[in-house]
All heavy atoms as atom14 arrays in JSON, in Angstrom:
{
  "sequence": "GDVLGSDRGKMEVSASSEFNKLPLAAPYGIASVSPEGERSVVLNA",
  "atom14_mask": [
    [1, 1, 1, 1, 0, 0, 0, 0, 0, 0, 0, 0, 0, 0],
    [1, 1, 1, 1, 1, 1, 1, 1, 0, 0, 0, 0, 0, 0],
    [1, 1, 1, 1, 1, 1, 1, 0, 0, 0, 0, 0, 0, 0],
    [1, 1, 1, 1, 1, 1, 1, 1, 0, 0, 0, 0, 0, 0],
    [1, 1, 1, 1, 0, 0, 0, 0, 0, 0, 0, 0, 0, 0],
    [1, 1, 1, 1, 1, 1, 0, 0, 0, 0, 0, 0, 0, 0],
    [1, 1, 1, 1, 1, 1, 1, 1, 0, 0, 0, 0, 0, 0],
    [1, 1, 1, 1, 1, 1, 1, 1, 1, 1, 1, 0, 0, 0],
    [1, 1, 1, 1, 0, 0, 0, 0, 0, 0, 0, 0, 0, 0],
    [1, 1, 1, 1, 1, 1, 1, 1, 1, 0, 0, 0, 0, 0],
    [1, 1, 1, 1, 1, 1, 1, 1, 0, 0, 0, 0, 0, 0],
    [1, 1, 1, 1, 1, 1, 1, 1, 1, 0, 0, 0, 0, 0],
    [1, 1, 1, 1, 1, 1, 1, 0, 0, 0, 0, 0, 0, 0],
    [1, 1, 1, 1, 1, 1, 0, 0, 0, 0, 0, 0, 0, 0],
    [1, 1, 1, 1, 1, 0, 0, 0, 0, 0, 0, 0, 0, 0],
    [1, 1, 1, 1, 1, 1, 0, 0, 0, 0, 0, 0, 0, 0],
    [1, 1, 1, 1, 1, 1, 0, 0, 0, 0, 0, 0, 0, 0],
    [1, 1, 1, 1, 1, 1, 1, 1, 1, 0, 0, 0, 0, 0],
    [1, 1, 1, 1, 1, 1, 1, 1, 1, 1, 1, 0, 0, 0],
    [1, 1, 1, 1, 1, 1, 1, 1, 0, 0, 0, 0, 0, 0],
    [1, 1, 1, 1, 1, 1, 1, 1, 1, 0, 0, 0, 0, 0],
    [1, 1, 1, 1, 1, 1, 1, 1, 0, 0, 0, 0, 0, 0],
    [1, 1, 1, 1, 1, 1, 1, 0, 0, 0, 0, 0, 0, 0],
    [1, 1, 1, 1, 1, 1, 1, 1, 0, 0, 0, 0, 0, 0],
    [1, 1, 1, 1, 1, 0, 0, 0, 0, 0, 0, 0, 0, 0],
    [1, 1, 1, 1, 1, 0, 0, 0, 0, 0, 0, 0, 0, 0],
    [1, 1, 1, 1, 1, 1, 1, 0, 0, 0, 0, 0, 0, 0],
    [1, 1, 1, 1, 1, 1, 1, 1, 1, 1, 1, 1, 0, 0],
    [1, 1, 1, 1, 0, 0, 0, 0, 0, 0, 0, 0, 0, 0],
    [1, 1, 1, 1, 1, 1, 1, 1, 0, 0, 0, 0, 0, 0],
    [1, 1, 1, 1, 1, 0, 0, 0, 0, 0, 0, 0, 0, 0],
    [1, 1, 1, 1, 1, 1, 0, 0, 0, 0, 0, 0, 0, 0],
    [1, 1, 1, 1, 1, 1, 1, 0, 0, 0, 0, 0, 0, 0],
    [1, 1, 1, 1, 1, 1, 0, 0, 0, 0, 0, 0, 0, 0],
    [1, 1, 1, 1, 1, 1, 1, 0, 0, 0, 0, 0, 0, 0],
    [1, 1, 1, 1, 1, 1, 1, 1, 1, 0, 0, 0, 0, 0],
    [1, 1, 1, 1, 0, 0, 0, 0, 0, 0, 0, 0, 0, 0],
    [1, 1, 1, 1, 1, 1, 1, 1, 1, 0, 0, 0, 0, 0],
    [1, 1, 1, 1, 1, 1, 1, 1, 1, 1, 1, 0, 0, 0],
    [1, 1, 1, 1, 1, 1, 0, 0, 0, 0, 0, 0, 0, 0],
    [1, 1, 1, 1, 1, 1, 1, 0, 0, 0, 0, 0, 0, 0],
    [1, 1, 1, 1, 1, 1, 1, 0, 0, 0, 0, 0, 0, 0],
    [1, 1, 1, 1, 1, 1, 1, 1, 0, 0, 0, 0, 0, 0],
    [1, 1, 1, 1, 1, 1, 1, 1, 0, 0, 0, 0, 0, 0],
    [1, 1, 1, 1, 1, 0, 0, 0, 0, 0, 0, 0, 0, 0]
  ],
  "atom14_positions": [
    [[70.62, 206.03, 80.35], [69.59, 205.11, 79.91], [68.7, 204.73, 81.07], [69.02, 204.99, 82.23], [0.0, 0.0, 0.0], [0.0, 0.0, 0.0], [0.0, 0.0, 0.0], [0.0, 0.0, 0.0], [0.0, 0.0, 0.0], [0.0, 0.0, 0.0], [0.0, 0.0, 0.0], [0.0, 0.0, 0.0], [0.0, 0.0, 0.0], [0.0, 0.0, 0.0]],
    [[67.58, 204.11, 80.77], [66.61, 203.69, 81.78], [66.95, 202.3, 82.3], [67.2, 201.38, 81.51], [65.2, 203.68, 81.2], [64.74, 205.08, 80.83], [64.98, 206.01, 81.61], [64.14, 205.22, 79.75], [0.0, 0.0, 0.0], [0.0, 0.0, 0.0], [0.0, 0.0, 0.0], [0.0, 0.0, 0.0], [0.0, 0.0, 0.0], [0.0, 0.0, 0.0]],
    [[66.92, 202.14, 83.63], [67.11, 200.83, 84.23], [65.84, 200.02, 83.99], [64.75, 200.43, 84.38], [67.41, 200.95, 85.74], [67.5, 199.57, 86.38], [68.69, 201.74, 85.98], [0.0, 0.0, 0.0], [0.0, 0.0, 0.0], [0.0, 0.0, 0.0], [0.0, 0.0, 0.0], [0.0, 0.0, 0.0], [0.0, 0.0, 0.0], [0.0, 0.0, 0.0]],
    [[66.0, 198.88, 83.35], [64.86, 197.99, 83.08], [64.73, 196.92, 84.15], [63.66, 196.35, 84.34], [65.01, 197.34, 81.71], [65.1, 198.3, 80.52], [65.33, 197.52, 79.23], [63.86, 199.17, 80.43], [0.0, 0.0, 0.0], [0.0, 0.0, 0.0], [0.0, 0.0, 0.0], [0.0, 0.0, 0.0], [0.0, 0.0, 0.0], [0.0, 0.0, 0.0]],
    [[65.83, 196.65, 84.85], [65.82, 195.66, 85.91], [67.22, 195.45, 86.45], [68.2, 195.82, 85.81], [0.0, 0.0, 0.0], [0.0, 0.0, 0.0], [0.0, 0.0, 0.0], [0.0, 0.0, 0.0], [0.0, 0.0, 0.0], [0.0, 0.0, 0.0], [0.0, 0.0, 0.0], [0.0, 0.0, 0.0], [0.0, 0.0, 0.0], [0.0, 0.0, 0.0]],
    [[67.33, 194.86, 87.64], [68.61, 194.57, 88.27], [68.49, 193.27, 89.03], [67.45, 192.95, 89.58], [68.99, 195.67, 89.27], [69.15, 196.91, 88.64], [0.0, 0.0, 0.0], [0.0, 0.0, 0.0], [0.0, 0.0, 0.0], [0.0, 0.0, 0.0], [0.0, 0.0, 0.0], [0.0, 0.0, 0.0], [0.0, 0.0, 0.0], [0.0, 0.0, 0.0]],
    [[69.59, 192.53, 89.05], [69.61, 191.28, 89.81], [71.06, 190.87, 90.06], [71.85, 190.83, 89.11], [68.88, 190.18, 89.05], [68.74, 188.9, 89.87], [68.51, 189.0, 91.09], [68.85, 187.82, 89.28], [0.0, 0.0, 0.0], [0.0, 0.0, 0.0], [0.0, 0.0, 0.0], [0.0, 0.0, 0.0], [0.0, 0.0, 0.0], [0.0, 0.0, 0.0]],
    [[71.39, 190.6, 91.31], [72.7, 190.08, 91.69], [73.86, 190.92, 91.16], [74.83, 190.4, 90.61], [72.86, 188.65, 91.26], [71.85, 187.74, 91.93], [72.0, 186.32, 91.47], [70.9, 185.54, 91.99], [71.07, 184.47, 92.74], [72.25, 184.04, 93.03], [70.01, 183.82, 93.17], [0.0, 0.0, 0.0], [0.0, 0.0, 0.0], [0.0, 0.0, 0.0]],
    [[73.76, 192.25, 91.3], [74.85, 193.11, 90.9], [74.96, 193.39, 89.42], [75.9, 194.03, 88.97], [0.0, 0.0, 0.0], [0.0, 0.0, 0.0], [0.0, 0.0, 0.0], [0.0, 0.0, 0.0], [0.0, 0.0, 0.0], [0.0, 0.0, 0.0], [0.0, 0.0, 0.0], [0.0, 0.0, 0.0], [0.0, 0.0, 0.0], [0.0, 0.0, 0.0]],
    [[74.02, 192.93, 88.63], [74.01, 193.18, 87.19], [72.74, 193.94, 86.84], [71.69, 193.75, 87.45], [74.05, 191.87, 86.4], [75.23, 190.99, 86.71], [76.49, 191.52, 86.12], [77.63, 190.54, 86.38], [78.86, 190.94, 85.76], [0.0, 0.0, 0.0], [0.0, 0.0, 0.0], [0.0, 0.0, 0.0], [0.0, 0.0, 0.0], [0.0, 0.0, 0.0]],
    [[72.84, 194.84, 85.86], [71.71, 195.66, 85.48], [71.36, 195.44, 84.02], [72.2, 195.07, 83.21], [72.05, 197.14, 85.67], [72.35, 197.54, 87.08], [72.95, 199.24, 87.18], [71.54, 200.13, 86.58], [0.0, 0.0, 0.0], [0.0, 0.0, 0.0], [0.0, 0.0, 0.0], [0.0, 0.0, 0.0], [0.0, 0.0, 0.0], [0.0, 0.0, 0.0]],
    [[70.11, 195.73, 83.7], [69.65, 195.77, 82.32], [69.24, 197.21, 82.07], [68.41, 197.76, 82.79], [68.45, 194.83, 82.14], [68.01, 194.68, 80.72], [66.88, 193.67, 80.58], [66.75, 192.79, 81.46], [66.13, 193.79, 79.61], [0.0, 0.0, 0.0], [0.0, 0.0, 0.0], [0.0, 0.0, 0.0], [0.0, 0.0, 0.0], [0.0, 0.0, 0.0]],
    [[69.88, 197.86, 81.09], [69.67, 199.28, 80.82], [69.34, 199.48, 79.35], [69.97, 198.89, 78.48], [70.93, 200.1, 81.2], [70.76, 201.56, 80.84], [71.25, 199.95, 82.68], [0.0, 0.0, 0.0], [0.0, 0.0, 0.0], [0.0, 0.0, 0.0], [0.0, 0.0, 0.0], [0.0, 0.0, 0.0], [0.0, 0.0, 0.0], [0.0, 0.0, 0.0]],
    [[68.35, 200.32, 79.1], [67.99, 200.7, 77.74], [68.51, 202.1, 77.48], [68.04, 203.06, 78.09], [66.48, 200.65, 77.56], [66.13, 201.11, 76.27], [0.0, 0.0, 0.0], [0.0, 0.0, 0.0], [0.0, 0.0, 0.0], [0.0, 0.0, 0.0], [0.0, 0.0, 0.0], [0.0, 0.0, 0.0], [0.0, 0.0, 0.0], [0.0, 0.0, 0.0]],
    [[69.5, 202.22, 76.6], [70.05, 203.52, 76.22], [70.09, 203.55, 74.69], [69.08, 203.26, 74.06], [71.44, 203.7, 76.83], [0.0, 0.0, 0.0], [0.0, 0.0, 0.0], [0.0, 0.0, 0.0], [0.0, 0.0, 0.0], [0.0, 0.0, 0.0], [0.0, 0.0, 0.0], [0.0, 0.0, 0.0], [0.0, 0.0, 0.0], [0.0, 0.0, 0.0]],
    [[71.25, 203.84, 74.09], [71.34, 203.81, 72.63], [71.15, 202.39, 72.11], [70.81, 202.17, 70.96], [72.68, 204.36, 72.16], [73.73, 203.55, 72.65], [0.0, 0.0, 0.0], [0.0, 0.0, 0.0], [0.0, 0.0, 0.0], [0.0, 0.0, 0.0], [0.0, 0.0, 0.0], [0.0, 0.0, 0.0], [0.0, 0.0, 0.0], [0.0, 0.0, 0.0]],
    [[71.39, 201.42, 73.01], [71.12, 200.01, 72.73], [70.74, 199.36, 74.05], [70.76, 200.01, 75.09], [72.35, 199.33, 72.11], [73.44, 199.37, 73.0], [0.0, 0.0, 0.0], [0.0, 0.0, 0.0], [0.0, 0.0, 0.0], [0.0, 0.0, 0.0], [0.0, 0.0, 0.0], [0.0, 0.0, 0.0], [0.0, 0.0, 0.0], [0.0, 0.0, 0.0]],
    [[70.39, 198.09, 74.01], [70.05, 197.35, 75.23], [71.33, 196.8, 75.84], [72.11, 196.13, 75.17], [69.1, 196.2, 74.92], [67.75, 196.64, 74.42], [66.85, 197.14, 75.53], [66.89, 196.59, 76.64], [66.11, 198.1, 75.27], [0.0, 0.0, 0.0], [0.0, 0.0, 0.0], [0.0, 0.0, 0.0], [0.0, 0.0, 0.0], [0.0, 0.0, 0.0]],
    [[71.57, 197.09, 77.1], [72.71, 196.57, 77.83], [72.19, 195.52, 78.81], [71.38, 195.83, 79.67], [73.44, 197.67, 78.59], [74.07, 198.72, 77.71], [73.38, 199.89, 77.41], [75.33, 198.53, 77.19], [73.95, 200.86, 76.61], [75.91, 199.49, 76.39], [75.23, 200.66, 76.09], [0.0, 0.0, 0.0], [0.0, 0.0, 0.0], [0.0, 0.0, 0.0]],
    [[72.65, 194.28, 78.66], [72.24, 193.2, 79.54], [73.42, 192.76, 80.4], [74.56, 192.78, 79.94], [71.74, 192.0, 78.73], [70.49, 192.36, 77.94], [69.51, 192.82, 78.53], [70.51, 192.17, 76.64], [0.0, 0.0, 0.0], [0.0, 0.0, 0.0], [0.0, 0.0, 0.0], [0.0, 0.0, 0.0], [0.0, 0.0, 0.0], [0.0, 0.0, 0.0]],
    [[73.13, 192.35, 81.63], [74.17, 191.89, 82.56], [75.27, 192.93, 82.7], [76.46, 192.61, 82.71], [74.72, 190.54, 82.14], [73.66, 189.45, 82.16], [74.23, 188.12, 81.82], [73.11, 187.07, 81.84], [73.58, 185.76, 81.43], [0.0, 0.0, 0.0], [0.0, 0.0, 0.0], [0.0, 0.0, 0.0], [0.0, 0.0, 0.0], [0.0, 0.0, 0.0]],
    [[74.88, 194.19, 82.79], [75.79, 195.31, 82.91], [76.29, 195.4, 84.35], [75.49, 195.52, 85.28], [75.04, 196.58, 82.53], [75.79, 197.87, 82.31], [76.74, 197.74, 81.12], [74.81, 199.0, 82.06], [0.0, 0.0, 0.0], [0.0, 0.0, 0.0], [0.0, 0.0, 0.0], [0.0, 0.0, 0.0], [0.0, 0.0, 0.0], [0.0, 0.0, 0.0]],
    [[77.6, 195.32, 84.6], [78.09, 195.44, 85.97], [77.94, 196.87, 86.48], [77.95, 197.82, 85.7], [79.55, 195.03, 85.88], [79.93, 195.18, 84.46], [78.67, 195.07, 83.65], [0.0, 0.0, 0.0], [0.0, 0.0, 0.0], [0.0, 0.0, 0.0], [0.0, 0.0, 0.0], [0.0, 0.0, 0.0], [0.0, 0.0, 0.0], [0.0, 0.0, 0.0]],
    [[77.8, 197.0, 87.79], [77.68, 198.31, 88.42], [78.99, 198.65, 89.12], [79.45, 197.89, 89.97], [76.54, 198.31, 89.44], [76.37, 199.59, 90.26], [76.04, 200.77, 89.37], [75.28, 199.42, 91.31], [0.0, 0.0, 0.0], [0.0, 0.0, 0.0], [0.0, 0.0, 0.0], [0.0, 0.0, 0.0], [0.0, 0.0, 0.0], [0.0, 0.0, 0.0]],
    [[79.6, 199.76, 88.74], [80.81, 200.24, 89.41], [80.38, 201.14, 90.56], [79.53, 202.0, 90.4], [81.68, 201.02, 88.43], [0.0, 0.0, 0.0], [0.0, 0.0, 0.0], [0.0, 0.0, 0.0], [0.0, 0.0, 0.0], [0.0, 0.0, 0.0], [0.0, 0.0, 0.0], [0.0, 0.0, 0.0], [0.0, 0.0, 0.0], [0.0, 0.0, 0.0]],
    [[80.95, 200.91, 91.73], [80.62, 201.71, 92.91], [81.85, 201.77, 93.81], [82.73, 200.91, 93.71], [79.45, 201.07, 93.67], [0.0, 0.0, 0.0], [0.0, 0.0, 0.0], [0.0, 0.0, 0.0], [0.0, 0.0, 0.0], [0.0, 0.0, 0.0], [0.0, 0.0, 0.0], [0.0, 0.0, 0.0], [0.0, 0.0, 0.0], [0.0, 0.0, 0.0]],
    [[81.92, 202.75, 94.69], [83.04, 202.79, 95.63], [83.08, 201.51, 96.46], [82.04, 200.91, 96.75], [82.72, 203.99, 96.53], [81.81, 204.84, 95.71], [81.01, 203.88, 94.87], [0.0, 0.0, 0.0], [0.0, 0.0, 0.0], [0.0, 0.0, 0.0], [0.0, 0.0, 0.0], [0.0, 0.0, 0.0], [0.0, 0.0, 0.0], [0.0, 0.0, 0.0]],
    [[84.3, 201.1, 96.85], [84.46, 199.9, 97.66], [83.61, 200.0, 98.92], [83.55, 201.04, 99.57], [85.92, 199.71, 98.06], [86.1, 198.5, 98.94], [86.14, 197.23, 98.39], [86.18, 198.63, 100.33], [86.26, 196.12, 99.19], [86.31, 197.52, 101.13], [86.34, 196.27, 100.56], [86.46, 195.16, 101.36], [0.0, 0.0, 0.0], [0.0, 0.0, 0.0]],
    [[82.94, 198.92, 99.25], [82.13, 198.87, 100.47], [80.69, 199.32, 100.29], [79.91, 199.27, 101.21], [0.0, 0.0, 0.0], [0.0, 0.0, 0.0], [0.0, 0.0, 0.0], [0.0, 0.0, 0.0], [0.0, 0.0, 0.0], [0.0, 0.0, 0.0], [0.0, 0.0, 0.0], [0.0, 0.0, 0.0], [0.0, 0.0, 0.0], [0.0, 0.0, 0.0]],
    [[80.35, 199.77, 99.09], [78.98, 200.18, 98.81], [78.41, 199.28, 97.73], [78.99, 199.13, 96.67], [78.89, 201.65, 98.37], [79.39, 202.56, 99.49], [77.47, 202.02, 97.95], [79.42, 204.02, 99.14], [0.0, 0.0, 0.0], [0.0, 0.0, 0.0], [0.0, 0.0, 0.0], [0.0, 0.0, 0.0], [0.0, 0.0, 0.0], [0.0, 0.0, 0.0]],
    [[77.29, 198.67, 98.03], [76.62, 197.81, 97.05], [75.16, 198.22, 96.99], [74.57, 198.6, 97.99], [76.74, 196.35, 97.46], [0.0, 0.0, 0.0], [0.0, 0.0, 0.0], [0.0, 0.0, 0.0], [0.0, 0.0, 0.0], [0.0, 0.0, 0.0], [0.0, 0.0, 0.0], [0.0, 0.0, 0.0], [0.0, 0.0, 0.0], [0.0, 0.0, 0.0]],
    [[74.59, 198.16, 95.8], [73.18, 198.48, 95.65], [72.61, 197.75, 94.46], [73.35, 197.27, 93.6], [72.98, 199.99, 95.49], [73.51, 200.43, 94.25], [0.0, 0.0, 0.0], [0.0, 0.0, 0.0], [0.0, 0.0, 0.0], [0.0, 0.0, 0.0], [0.0, 0.0, 0.0], [0.0, 0.0, 0.0], [0.0, 0.0, 0.0], [0.0, 0.0, 0.0]],
    [[71.31, 197.68, 94.42], [70.59, 197.14, 93.28], [69.65, 198.26, 92.83], [68.74, 198.65, 93.56], [69.78, 195.87, 93.66], [68.98, 195.38, 92.47], [70.72, 194.79, 94.17], [0.0, 0.0, 0.0], [0.0, 0.0, 0.0], [0.0, 0.0, 0.0], [0.0, 0.0, 0.0], [0.0, 0.0, 0.0], [0.0, 0.0, 0.0], [0.0, 0.0, 0.0]],
    [[69.92, 198.82, 91.67], [69.14, 199.96, 91.18], [67.74, 199.54, 90.81], [67.56, 198.57, 90.07], [69.83, 200.6, 89.98], [71.11, 201.05, 90.32], [0.0, 0.0, 0.0], [0.0, 0.0, 0.0], [0.0, 0.0, 0.0], [0.0, 0.0, 0.0], [0.0, 0.0, 0.0], [0.0, 0.0, 0.0], [0.0, 0.0, 0.0], [0.0, 0.0, 0.0]],
    [[66.73, 200.26, 91.3], [65.35, 199.9, 90.95], [65.0, 200.28, 89.52], [65.58, 201.2, 88.94], [64.51, 200.68, 91.96], [65.37, 201.75, 92.49], [66.79, 201.35, 92.27], [0.0, 0.0, 0.0], [0.0, 0.0, 0.0], [0.0, 0.0, 0.0], [0.0, 0.0, 0.0], [0.0, 0.0, 0.0], [0.0, 0.0, 0.0], [0.0, 0.0, 0.0]],
    [[64.06, 199.56, 88.99], [63.54, 199.81, 87.65], [63.05, 201.25, 87.55], [62.46, 201.79, 88.48], [62.38, 198.85, 87.39], [61.94, 198.78, 85.97], [60.9, 197.7, 85.75], [61.1, 196.56, 86.24], [59.88, 198.01, 85.11], [0.0, 0.0, 0.0], [0.0, 0.0, 0.0], [0.0, 0.0, 0.0], [0.0, 0.0, 0.0], [0.0, 0.0, 0.0]],
    [[63.34, 201.89, 86.41], [62.86, 203.24, 86.16], [63.86, 204.33, 86.48], [63.67, 205.47, 86.07], [0.0, 0.0, 0.0], [0.0, 0.0, 0.0], [0.0, 0.0, 0.0], [0.0, 0.0, 0.0], [0.0, 0.0, 0.0], [0.0, 0.0, 0.0], [0.0, 0.0, 0.0], [0.0, 0.0, 0.0], [0.0, 0.0, 0.0], [0.0, 0.0, 0.0]],
    [[64.94, 204.02, 87.2], [65.96, 205.03, 87.48], [66.76, 205.3, 86.21], [66.73, 204.52, 85.26], [66.91, 204.54, 88.59], [66.26, 204.42, 89.94], [65.88, 205.76, 90.55], [66.61, 206.75, 90.34], [64.85, 205.81, 91.23], [0.0, 0.0, 0.0], [0.0, 0.0, 0.0], [0.0, 0.0, 0.0], [0.0, 0.0, 0.0], [0.0, 0.0, 0.0]],
    [[67.47, 206.43, 86.17], [68.32, 206.78, 85.03], [69.76, 206.39, 85.35], [70.34, 206.89, 86.29], [68.26, 208.27, 84.74], [66.91, 208.78, 84.27], [66.56, 208.4, 82.86], [67.44, 209.06, 81.9], [67.54, 208.69, 80.64], [66.82, 207.71, 80.17], [68.35, 209.32, 79.83], [0.0, 0.0, 0.0], [0.0, 0.0, 0.0], [0.0, 0.0, 0.0]],
    [[70.32, 205.47, 84.57], [71.68, 204.99, 84.78], [72.64, 205.73, 83.85], [72.29, 206.1, 82.74], [71.74, 203.49, 84.48], [73.07, 203.02, 84.55], [0.0, 0.0, 0.0], [0.0, 0.0, 0.0], [0.0, 0.0, 0.0], [0.0, 0.0, 0.0], [0.0, 0.0, 0.0], [0.0, 0.0, 0.0], [0.0, 0.0, 0.0], [0.0, 0.0, 0.0]],
    [[73.88, 205.92, 84.32], [74.95, 206.44, 83.49], [75.81, 205.26, 83.08], [76.35, 204.55, 83.92], [75.79, 207.5, 84.24], [76.94, 207.98, 83.37], [74.92, 208.66, 84.68], [0.0, 0.0, 0.0], [0.0, 0.0, 0.0], [0.0, 0.0, 0.0], [0.0, 0.0, 0.0], [0.0, 0.0, 0.0], [0.0, 0.0, 0.0], [0.0, 0.0, 0.0]],
    [[75.9, 205.02, 81.78], [76.65, 203.89, 81.24], [77.92, 204.42, 80.59], [77.89, 205.39, 79.83], [75.8, 203.11, 80.19], [76.6, 201.97, 79.6], [74.51, 202.61, 80.82], [0.0, 0.0, 0.0], [0.0, 0.0, 0.0], [0.0, 0.0, 0.0], [0.0, 0.0, 0.0], [0.0, 0.0, 0.0], [0.0, 0.0, 0.0], [0.0, 0.0, 0.0]],
    [[79.05, 203.78, 80.9], [80.34, 204.21, 80.4], [81.03, 203.02, 79.75], [80.99, 201.91, 80.27], [81.18, 204.72, 81.57], [82.63, 205.14, 81.3], [82.66, 206.36, 80.39], [83.31, 205.46, 82.62], [0.0, 0.0, 0.0], [0.0, 0.0, 0.0], [0.0, 0.0, 0.0], [0.0, 0.0, 0.0], [0.0, 0.0, 0.0], [0.0, 0.0, 0.0]],
    [[81.68, 203.25, 78.63], [82.48, 202.22, 77.99], [83.87, 202.28, 78.61], [84.56, 203.28, 78.49], [82.54, 202.44, 76.48], [83.23, 201.29, 75.78], [84.08, 200.62, 76.33], [82.87, 201.09, 74.54], [0.0, 0.0, 0.0], [0.0, 0.0, 0.0], [0.0, 0.0, 0.0], [0.0, 0.0, 0.0], [0.0, 0.0, 0.0], [0.0, 0.0, 0.0]],
    [[84.26, 201.22, 79.3], [85.55, 201.16, 79.97], [86.38, 200.04, 79.35], [86.11, 198.87, 79.58], [85.36, 200.92, 81.46], [0.0, 0.0, 0.0], [0.0, 0.0, 0.0], [0.0, 0.0, 0.0], [0.0, 0.0, 0.0], [0.0, 0.0, 0.0], [0.0, 0.0, 0.0], [0.0, 0.0, 0.0], [0.0, 0.0, 0.0], [0.0, 0.0, 0.0]]
  ]
}
């Protein structure tokens, strides 16, 4: 889905539905804020 925005470790992604306050899983010690317009991979965990 498309990243619509990110703030404080949470993302908003538009895919089959709108995902709000979506947490970002990343390897320990790596943190990022994905910029708007990137393609995110969303997984149901």
